[in-house]
C-alpha cells in the first residue's frame, strides 16, 4: 500500500533529509557530479534547509511510504496559476511500483482543490529517466531554464507541465 504523509515532525524532516542524501548521491552524481550534489543537498535538502522551507511556507513536503516504509518524497508549492512540483524523488529499489504516479495523483487533487489547471516542474536536461517518466504521465516540455544556485553551480533544466481540463 502506498501512502502520502505530510512532513511535519522533526523525525519526518530527518527521514526526508536522509532519503534526499541517499537518492541524490546515487542518482545525480553521474549527472551533475559529486561536488554539486553535496552542495545542493546541504543547501536545499538538509534538515535545516527543509525545516526553513517548511517554516517559511515556501514548500510543503510529503513522504511517500510503501507498506509503511518511507521510500521517497516530494515537495510542492501552490502558486497563483499552478501547483509547482519542486521535488519528487523515489529510491531506485522501489521505482516502477507506482509511487511517482501516486504522488502525481495526489498533486492533481491538490490542484483541483485549489481550482488550478496546471502542474509544472523543472527537471535536469540530462535526467532522461525522469523526463521519460513525466512524459508517460502526460507532461509536456514548455521550454528551458538555467538558474544560478551559487558557488558557480547552475541548474540547467527543462520546464515540464501537465494541463488538466
N, C-alpha and C. Protein backbone atom coordinates (compact mmCIF):
# COMPACT_ATOMS: atom_id res chain seq x y z
N UNK A 1 0.84 -1.18 0.00
CA UNK A 1 0.00 0.00 0.00
C UNK A 1 0.89 1.25 0.00
N UNK A 2 0.53 2.21 -0.84
CA UNK A 2 1.27 3.47 -0.92
C UNK A 2 0.50 4.54 -0.17
N UNK A 3 1.21 5.24 0.71
CA UNK A 3 0.62 6.33 1.48
C UNK A 3 1.38 7.62 1.24
N UNK A 4 0.67 8.73 1.28
CA UNK A 4 1.26 10.06 1.21
C UNK A 4 1.07 10.69 2.58
N UNK A 5 2.18 11.08 3.22
CA UNK A 5 2.13 11.63 4.58
C UNK A 5 2.81 13.00 4.58
N UNK A 6 2.08 14.00 5.04
CA UNK A 6 2.66 15.35 5.10
C UNK A 6 3.78 15.39 6.13
N UNK A 7 4.89 15.99 5.75
CA UNK A 7 6.06 16.11 6.63
C UNK A 7 5.81 17.27 7.59
N UNK A 8 5.79 16.95 8.89
CA UNK A 8 5.51 17.98 9.90
C UNK A 8 6.41 17.88 11.12
N UNK A 9 6.86 16.68 11.44
CA UNK A 9 7.63 16.49 12.67
C UNK A 9 9.13 16.50 12.38
N UNK A 10 9.91 16.69 13.43
CA UNK A 10 11.36 16.64 13.30
C UNK A 10 11.81 15.29 12.75
N UNK A 11 11.21 14.22 13.22
CA UNK A 11 11.54 12.88 12.76
C UNK A 11 11.25 12.73 11.26
N UNK A 12 10.13 13.26 10.81
CA UNK A 12 9.79 13.19 9.39
C UNK A 12 10.74 14.03 8.54
N UNK A 13 11.14 15.18 9.06
CA UNK A 13 12.11 16.02 8.35
C UNK A 13 13.45 15.29 8.25
N UNK A 14 13.88 14.66 9.33
CA UNK A 14 15.14 13.91 9.31
C UNK A 14 15.07 12.76 8.30
N UNK A 15 13.95 12.06 8.25
CA UNK A 15 13.79 10.95 7.30
C UNK A 15 13.83 11.48 5.87
N UNK A 16 13.21 12.63 5.63
CA UNK A 16 13.22 13.23 4.30
C UNK A 16 14.65 13.61 3.89
N UNK A 17 15.39 14.22 4.80
CA UNK A 17 16.77 14.60 4.51
C UNK A 17 17.65 13.36 4.26
N UNK A 18 17.42 12.29 5.00
CA UNK A 18 18.17 11.05 4.78
C UNK A 18 17.87 10.47 3.39
N UNK A 19 16.59 10.46 3.03
CA UNK A 19 16.21 9.98 1.70
C UNK A 19 16.86 10.85 0.62
N UNK A 20 16.84 12.16 0.83
CA UNK A 20 17.42 13.08 -0.15
C UNK A 20 18.89 12.75 -0.37
N UNK A 21 19.64 12.62 0.70
CA UNK A 21 21.08 12.34 0.58
C UNK A 21 21.31 11.02 -0.15
N UNK A 22 20.57 10.00 0.22
CA UNK A 22 20.73 8.69 -0.40
C UNK A 22 20.38 8.73 -1.89
N UNK A 23 19.21 9.26 -2.20
CA UNK A 23 18.73 9.25 -3.59
C UNK A 23 19.58 10.16 -4.47
N UNK A 24 19.86 11.36 -3.98
CA UNK A 24 20.63 12.31 -4.78
C UNK A 24 22.02 11.77 -5.09
N UNK A 25 22.71 11.22 -4.07
CA UNK A 25 24.08 10.73 -4.29
C UNK A 25 24.08 9.59 -5.30
N UNK A 26 23.11 8.72 -5.21
CA UNK A 26 23.05 7.60 -6.12
C UNK A 26 22.68 8.04 -7.54
N UNK A 27 21.69 8.89 -7.67
CA UNK A 27 21.14 9.21 -8.98
C UNK A 27 21.83 10.39 -9.67
N UNK A 28 22.16 11.43 -8.93
CA UNK A 28 22.62 12.66 -9.56
C UNK A 28 24.13 12.81 -9.69
N UNK A 29 24.91 12.02 -8.99
CA UNK A 29 26.37 12.15 -9.06
C UNK A 29 26.84 12.01 -10.50
N UNK A 30 26.30 11.03 -11.22
CA UNK A 30 26.69 10.83 -12.61
C UNK A 30 26.22 11.98 -13.51
N UNK A 31 25.12 12.60 -13.15
CA UNK A 31 24.53 13.65 -14.00
C UNK A 31 25.21 15.00 -13.77
N UNK A 32 25.40 15.40 -12.51
CA UNK A 32 25.92 16.74 -12.23
C UNK A 32 27.23 16.75 -11.45
N UNK A 33 27.70 15.59 -11.03
CA UNK A 33 28.96 15.50 -10.30
C UNK A 33 28.77 15.55 -8.79
N UNK A 34 29.67 14.90 -8.10
CA UNK A 34 29.59 14.77 -6.65
C UNK A 34 29.64 16.08 -5.89
N UNK A 35 30.47 17.01 -6.34
CA UNK A 35 30.58 18.29 -5.62
C UNK A 35 29.27 19.06 -5.66
N UNK A 36 28.63 19.11 -6.85
CA UNK A 36 27.35 19.83 -6.93
C UNK A 36 26.27 19.10 -6.15
N UNK A 37 26.28 17.78 -6.17
CA UNK A 37 25.31 17.02 -5.38
C UNK A 37 25.45 17.37 -3.91
N UNK A 38 26.66 17.33 -3.40
CA UNK A 38 26.88 17.65 -1.98
C UNK A 38 26.43 19.07 -1.66
N UNK A 39 26.75 20.00 -2.54
CA UNK A 39 26.34 21.41 -2.35
C UNK A 39 24.82 21.53 -2.31
N UNK A 40 24.15 20.88 -3.26
CA UNK A 40 22.69 21.00 -3.34
C UNK A 40 22.01 20.32 -2.16
N UNK A 41 22.52 19.18 -1.72
CA UNK A 41 21.95 18.52 -0.54
C UNK A 41 22.07 19.44 0.66
N UNK A 42 23.26 19.99 0.87
CA UNK A 42 23.48 20.87 2.02
C UNK A 42 22.60 22.12 1.95
N UNK A 43 22.52 22.72 0.77
CA UNK A 43 21.80 23.99 0.62
C UNK A 43 20.29 23.84 0.56
N UNK A 44 19.79 22.75 -0.05
CA UNK A 44 18.36 22.62 -0.31
C UNK A 44 17.68 21.44 0.37
N UNK A 45 18.44 20.40 0.77
CA UNK A 45 17.79 19.18 1.24
C UNK A 45 18.31 18.67 2.58
N UNK A 46 19.03 19.49 3.30
CA UNK A 46 19.46 19.12 4.66
C UNK A 46 18.27 19.32 5.61
N UNK A 47 18.38 18.79 6.82
CA UNK A 47 17.32 19.00 7.81
C UNK A 47 17.05 20.49 8.01
N UNK A 48 18.13 21.26 8.09
CA UNK A 48 17.98 22.71 8.32
C UNK A 48 17.29 23.38 7.15
N UNK A 49 17.67 23.02 5.93
CA UNK A 49 17.08 23.63 4.74
C UNK A 49 15.61 23.27 4.61
N UNK A 50 15.28 22.00 4.82
CA UNK A 50 13.88 21.56 4.72
C UNK A 50 13.04 22.25 5.79
N UNK A 51 13.56 22.30 7.01
CA UNK A 51 12.84 22.97 8.10
C UNK A 51 12.58 24.43 7.75
N UNK A 52 13.59 25.11 7.24
CA UNK A 52 13.44 26.52 6.87
C UNK A 52 12.41 26.71 5.77
N UNK A 53 12.41 25.82 4.77
CA UNK A 53 11.45 25.91 3.67
C UNK A 53 10.01 25.71 4.18
N UNK A 54 9.85 24.76 5.08
CA UNK A 54 8.51 24.50 5.64
C UNK A 54 8.08 25.67 6.52
N UNK A 55 8.97 26.11 7.42
CA UNK A 55 8.64 27.21 8.34
C UNK A 55 8.31 28.51 7.61
N UNK A 56 8.98 28.76 6.48
CA UNK A 56 8.74 29.99 5.71
C UNK A 56 7.50 29.87 4.82
N UNK A 57 6.90 28.69 4.76
CA UNK A 57 5.75 28.49 3.90
C UNK A 57 6.11 28.42 2.43
N UNK A 58 7.38 28.19 2.12
CA UNK A 58 7.83 28.09 0.73
C UNK A 58 7.37 26.80 0.08
N UNK A 59 7.53 25.70 0.79
CA UNK A 59 7.20 24.38 0.25
C UNK A 59 6.47 23.55 1.29
N UNK A 60 5.65 22.65 0.80
CA UNK A 60 5.02 21.64 1.64
C UNK A 60 5.61 20.30 1.21
N UNK A 61 6.17 19.58 2.15
CA UNK A 61 6.82 18.29 1.88
C UNK A 61 5.90 17.14 2.26
N UNK A 62 6.06 16.03 1.51
CA UNK A 62 5.31 14.81 1.77
C UNK A 62 6.24 13.61 1.61
N UNK A 63 6.09 12.64 2.50
CA UNK A 63 6.78 11.37 2.36
C UNK A 63 5.90 10.42 1.55
N UNK A 64 6.54 9.60 0.73
CA UNK A 64 5.87 8.53 0.02
C UNK A 64 6.26 7.23 0.71
N UNK A 65 5.28 6.57 1.28
CA UNK A 65 5.55 5.34 2.03
C UNK A 65 4.96 4.14 1.30
N UNK A 66 5.75 3.10 1.21
CA UNK A 66 5.31 1.84 0.62
C UNK A 66 5.31 0.82 1.74
N UNK A 67 4.13 0.28 2.02
CA UNK A 67 3.98 -0.67 3.14
C UNK A 67 4.55 -0.09 4.44
N UNK A 68 4.22 1.19 4.67
CA UNK A 68 4.57 1.95 5.88
C UNK A 68 6.04 2.36 5.98
N UNK A 69 6.84 2.07 4.95
CA UNK A 69 8.26 2.46 4.94
C UNK A 69 8.45 3.67 4.04
N UNK A 70 9.05 4.74 4.54
CA UNK A 70 9.35 5.89 3.67
C UNK A 70 10.34 5.49 2.58
N UNK A 71 9.91 5.64 1.33
CA UNK A 71 10.73 5.24 0.18
C UNK A 71 10.97 6.38 -0.79
N UNK A 72 10.35 7.53 -0.53
CA UNK A 72 10.52 8.68 -1.40
C UNK A 72 9.85 9.89 -0.79
N UNK A 73 9.94 11.00 -1.50
CA UNK A 73 9.32 12.23 -1.01
C UNK A 73 9.08 13.18 -2.16
N UNK A 74 8.22 14.15 -1.91
CA UNK A 74 8.02 15.23 -2.87
C UNK A 74 7.68 16.50 -2.11
N UNK A 75 7.83 17.62 -2.81
CA UNK A 75 7.52 18.93 -2.22
C UNK A 75 6.82 19.75 -3.28
N UNK A 76 5.84 20.52 -2.83
CA UNK A 76 5.10 21.34 -3.78
C UNK A 76 4.87 22.74 -3.23
N UNK A 77 4.48 23.59 -4.15
CA UNK A 77 4.18 24.99 -3.83
C UNK A 77 2.94 25.37 -4.62
N UNK A 78 1.96 25.93 -3.93
CA UNK A 78 0.77 26.40 -4.62
C UNK A 78 1.02 27.84 -5.05
N UNK A 79 0.99 28.05 -6.35
CA UNK A 79 1.20 29.38 -6.92
C UNK A 79 -0.14 29.91 -7.43
N UNK A 80 -0.19 31.18 -7.82
CA UNK A 80 -1.47 31.75 -8.26
C UNK A 80 -2.15 30.99 -9.41
N UNK A 81 -1.37 30.46 -10.36
CA UNK A 81 -1.97 29.82 -11.53
C UNK A 81 -1.61 28.36 -11.71
N UNK A 82 -0.89 27.79 -10.73
CA UNK A 82 -0.43 26.41 -10.89
C UNK A 82 0.03 25.84 -9.56
N UNK A 83 0.18 24.51 -9.57
CA UNK A 83 0.89 23.84 -8.50
C UNK A 83 2.28 23.55 -9.05
N UNK A 84 3.31 24.01 -8.34
CA UNK A 84 4.68 23.76 -8.76
C UNK A 84 5.22 22.57 -7.97
N UNK A 85 5.61 21.53 -8.69
CA UNK A 85 6.22 20.35 -8.08
C UNK A 85 7.72 20.60 -8.00
N UNK A 86 8.19 20.94 -6.82
CA UNK A 86 9.58 21.32 -6.62
C UNK A 86 10.50 20.10 -6.57
N UNK A 87 10.02 19.02 -5.99
CA UNK A 87 10.85 17.83 -5.81
C UNK A 87 9.97 16.60 -5.88
N UNK A 88 10.49 15.54 -6.50
CA UNK A 88 9.85 14.23 -6.47
C UNK A 88 10.96 13.21 -6.66
N UNK A 89 11.25 12.48 -5.60
CA UNK A 89 12.35 11.53 -5.60
C UNK A 89 11.91 10.23 -4.95
N UNK A 90 12.31 9.11 -5.59
CA UNK A 90 11.96 7.77 -5.10
C UNK A 90 13.22 6.92 -5.12
N UNK A 91 13.39 6.12 -4.08
CA UNK A 91 14.53 5.19 -4.04
C UNK A 91 14.53 4.30 -5.28
N UNK A 92 15.71 4.03 -5.80
CA UNK A 92 15.80 3.21 -7.02
C UNK A 92 15.24 1.81 -6.81
N UNK A 93 15.35 1.28 -5.61
CA UNK A 93 14.89 -0.09 -5.34
C UNK A 93 13.38 -0.24 -5.43
N UNK A 94 12.64 0.86 -5.38
CA UNK A 94 11.17 0.77 -5.45
C UNK A 94 10.59 1.56 -6.62
N UNK A 95 11.43 1.96 -7.55
CA UNK A 95 10.91 2.63 -8.73
C UNK A 95 10.08 1.65 -9.54
N UNK A 96 9.12 2.19 -10.28
CA UNK A 96 8.19 1.41 -11.11
C UNK A 96 7.20 0.61 -10.26
N UNK A 97 6.98 1.06 -9.04
CA UNK A 97 5.98 0.42 -8.17
C UNK A 97 4.79 1.35 -7.91
N UNK A 98 4.73 2.48 -8.63
CA UNK A 98 3.57 3.35 -8.55
C UNK A 98 3.70 4.53 -7.60
N UNK A 99 4.85 4.72 -6.97
CA UNK A 99 4.98 5.82 -6.02
C UNK A 99 4.90 7.18 -6.70
N UNK A 100 5.59 7.35 -7.81
CA UNK A 100 5.54 8.65 -8.52
C UNK A 100 4.13 8.91 -9.04
N UNK A 101 3.48 7.88 -9.56
CA UNK A 101 2.09 8.05 -10.04
C UNK A 101 1.16 8.44 -8.90
N UNK A 102 1.38 7.84 -7.74
CA UNK A 102 0.57 8.19 -6.56
C UNK A 102 0.80 9.66 -6.20
N UNK A 103 2.05 10.10 -6.24
CA UNK A 103 2.37 11.50 -5.94
C UNK A 103 1.68 12.42 -6.93
N UNK A 104 1.75 12.10 -8.22
CA UNK A 104 1.12 12.95 -9.24
C UNK A 104 -0.40 12.96 -9.06
N UNK A 105 -0.99 11.84 -8.74
CA UNK A 105 -2.44 11.80 -8.49
C UNK A 105 -2.79 12.69 -7.30
N UNK A 106 -1.99 12.64 -6.27
CA UNK A 106 -2.20 13.48 -5.09
C UNK A 106 -2.10 14.96 -5.47
N UNK A 107 -1.07 15.30 -6.26
CA UNK A 107 -0.86 16.69 -6.68
C UNK A 107 -2.01 17.16 -7.57
N UNK A 108 -2.52 16.29 -8.42
CA UNK A 108 -3.69 16.63 -9.23
C UNK A 108 -4.87 16.99 -8.34
N UNK A 109 -5.04 16.25 -7.25
CA UNK A 109 -6.16 16.55 -6.34
C UNK A 109 -5.93 17.88 -5.63
N UNK A 110 -4.68 18.19 -5.30
CA UNK A 110 -4.37 19.50 -4.70
C UNK A 110 -4.70 20.61 -5.70
N UNK A 111 -4.31 20.40 -6.96
CA UNK A 111 -4.62 21.40 -7.99
C UNK A 111 -6.12 21.59 -8.12
N UNK A 112 -6.86 20.49 -8.18
CA UNK A 112 -8.32 20.57 -8.31
C UNK A 112 -8.94 21.27 -7.10
N UNK A 113 -8.47 20.94 -5.91
CA UNK A 113 -8.99 21.56 -4.68
C UNK A 113 -8.76 23.06 -4.66
N UNK A 114 -7.73 23.52 -5.38
CA UNK A 114 -7.39 24.94 -5.42
C UNK A 114 -7.79 25.60 -6.75
N UNK A 115 -8.62 24.89 -7.54
CA UNK A 115 -9.11 25.39 -8.83
C UNK A 115 -7.98 25.78 -9.77
N UNK A 116 -6.91 25.00 -9.76
CA UNK A 116 -5.76 25.24 -10.63
C UNK A 116 -5.73 24.16 -11.71
N UNK A 117 -5.40 24.55 -12.92
CA UNK A 117 -5.47 23.63 -14.05
C UNK A 117 -4.11 23.24 -14.60
N UNK A 118 -3.05 23.51 -13.84
CA UNK A 118 -1.72 23.22 -14.34
C UNK A 118 -0.80 22.79 -13.19
N UNK A 119 0.01 21.77 -13.47
CA UNK A 119 1.11 21.36 -12.59
C UNK A 119 2.38 21.57 -13.40
N UNK A 120 3.35 22.26 -12.83
CA UNK A 120 4.62 22.44 -13.53
C UNK A 120 5.78 21.97 -12.66
N UNK A 121 6.91 21.74 -13.31
CA UNK A 121 8.12 21.30 -12.61
C UNK A 121 9.31 21.62 -13.49
N UNK A 122 10.48 21.54 -12.88
CA UNK A 122 11.72 21.61 -13.65
C UNK A 122 12.47 20.30 -13.45
N UNK A 123 13.15 19.87 -14.49
CA UNK A 123 13.89 18.61 -14.44
C UNK A 123 15.21 18.80 -15.19
N UNK A 124 16.29 18.30 -14.63
CA UNK A 124 17.60 18.42 -15.25
C UNK A 124 17.55 17.87 -16.68
N UNK A 125 18.12 18.61 -17.60
CA UNK A 125 18.09 18.24 -19.02
C UNK A 125 18.71 16.86 -19.28
N UNK A 126 19.61 16.43 -18.42
CA UNK A 126 20.27 15.14 -18.61
C UNK A 126 19.64 14.00 -17.81
N UNK A 127 18.53 14.28 -17.14
CA UNK A 127 17.85 13.26 -16.34
C UNK A 127 16.81 12.56 -17.21
N UNK A 128 17.29 11.76 -18.15
CA UNK A 128 16.41 11.15 -19.14
C UNK A 128 15.38 10.21 -18.52
N UNK A 129 15.74 9.51 -17.45
CA UNK A 129 14.77 8.61 -16.81
C UNK A 129 13.56 9.38 -16.29
N UNK A 130 13.81 10.48 -15.61
CA UNK A 130 12.71 11.28 -15.07
C UNK A 130 11.91 11.93 -16.19
N UNK A 131 12.59 12.45 -17.21
CA UNK A 131 11.90 13.10 -18.31
C UNK A 131 10.93 12.12 -18.97
N UNK A 132 11.39 10.92 -19.25
CA UNK A 132 10.52 9.91 -19.88
C UNK A 132 9.36 9.53 -18.97
N UNK A 133 9.63 9.42 -17.68
CA UNK A 133 8.57 9.10 -16.72
C UNK A 133 7.49 10.18 -16.71
N UNK A 134 7.92 11.44 -16.66
CA UNK A 134 6.95 12.54 -16.67
C UNK A 134 6.17 12.57 -17.98
N UNK A 135 6.83 12.32 -19.10
CA UNK A 135 6.13 12.30 -20.39
C UNK A 135 5.07 11.20 -20.41
N UNK A 136 5.37 10.03 -19.85
CA UNK A 136 4.39 8.95 -19.80
C UNK A 136 3.17 9.35 -18.97
N UNK A 137 3.37 10.26 -18.02
CA UNK A 137 2.26 10.71 -17.17
C UNK A 137 1.54 11.93 -17.76
N UNK A 138 1.94 12.34 -18.99
CA UNK A 138 1.23 13.40 -19.67
C UNK A 138 1.87 14.78 -19.64
N UNK A 139 3.03 14.91 -19.04
CA UNK A 139 3.71 16.21 -19.00
C UNK A 139 4.30 16.52 -20.37
N UNK A 140 4.31 17.81 -20.72
CA UNK A 140 4.92 18.25 -21.97
C UNK A 140 6.01 19.27 -21.67
N UNK A 141 6.98 19.34 -22.57
CA UNK A 141 8.09 20.27 -22.42
C UNK A 141 7.63 21.66 -22.84
N UNK A 142 7.76 22.63 -21.95
CA UNK A 142 7.36 24.00 -22.25
C UNK A 142 8.55 24.95 -22.38
N UNK A 143 9.75 24.41 -22.42
CA UNK A 143 10.92 25.27 -22.58
C UNK A 143 12.05 24.86 -21.67
N UNK A 144 12.98 25.79 -21.50
CA UNK A 144 14.18 25.50 -20.71
C UNK A 144 14.48 26.69 -19.81
N UNK A 145 15.25 26.42 -18.77
CA UNK A 145 15.66 27.47 -17.85
C UNK A 145 17.02 27.11 -17.27
N UNK A 146 17.82 28.13 -17.01
CA UNK A 146 19.09 27.95 -16.33
C UNK A 146 19.07 28.86 -15.11
N UNK A 147 19.26 28.29 -13.92
CA UNK A 147 19.22 29.06 -12.69
C UNK A 147 20.55 28.96 -11.96
N UNK A 148 21.11 30.11 -11.62
CA UNK A 148 22.35 30.17 -10.85
C UNK A 148 21.99 29.86 -9.40
N UNK A 149 22.63 28.84 -8.82
CA UNK A 149 22.33 28.47 -7.44
C UNK A 149 23.51 28.75 -6.51
N UNK A 150 24.48 29.50 -7.00
CA UNK A 150 25.61 29.89 -6.16
C UNK A 150 26.81 28.97 -6.29
N UNK A 151 27.95 29.46 -5.79
CA UNK A 151 29.20 28.70 -5.78
C UNK A 151 29.61 28.22 -7.18
N UNK A 152 29.14 28.92 -8.22
CA UNK A 152 29.49 28.55 -9.58
C UNK A 152 28.64 27.46 -10.18
N UNK A 153 27.63 27.01 -9.47
CA UNK A 153 26.76 25.94 -9.95
C UNK A 153 25.48 26.52 -10.56
N UNK A 154 24.94 25.79 -11.55
CA UNK A 154 23.66 26.16 -12.14
C UNK A 154 22.77 24.93 -12.22
N UNK A 155 21.48 25.19 -12.28
CA UNK A 155 20.53 24.13 -12.58
C UNK A 155 20.10 24.37 -14.03
N UNK A 156 20.42 23.44 -14.90
CA UNK A 156 20.14 23.52 -16.33
C UNK A 156 18.98 22.56 -16.61
N UNK A 157 17.78 23.11 -16.66
CA UNK A 157 16.57 22.29 -16.63
C UNK A 157 15.62 22.54 -17.80
N UNK A 158 14.77 21.55 -18.01
CA UNK A 158 13.57 21.74 -18.83
C UNK A 158 12.43 22.10 -17.90
N UNK A 159 11.48 22.83 -18.44
CA UNK A 159 10.24 23.14 -17.72
C UNK A 159 9.17 22.21 -18.31
N UNK A 160 8.60 21.37 -17.48
CA UNK A 160 7.55 20.46 -17.91
C UNK A 160 6.25 20.87 -17.26
N UNK A 161 5.15 20.62 -17.97
CA UNK A 161 3.85 20.99 -17.43
C UNK A 161 2.80 19.94 -17.78
N UNK A 162 1.85 19.81 -16.90
CA UNK A 162 0.69 18.95 -17.11
C UNK A 162 -0.54 19.84 -16.99
N UNK A 163 -1.28 19.93 -18.06
CA UNK A 163 -2.50 20.74 -18.04
C UNK A 163 -3.69 19.82 -17.85
N UNK A 164 -4.58 20.24 -16.96
CA UNK A 164 -5.76 19.44 -16.66
C UNK A 164 -7.00 20.17 -17.16
N UNK A 165 -7.96 19.41 -17.63
CA UNK A 165 -9.17 20.05 -18.14
C UNK A 165 -10.15 20.33 -17.05
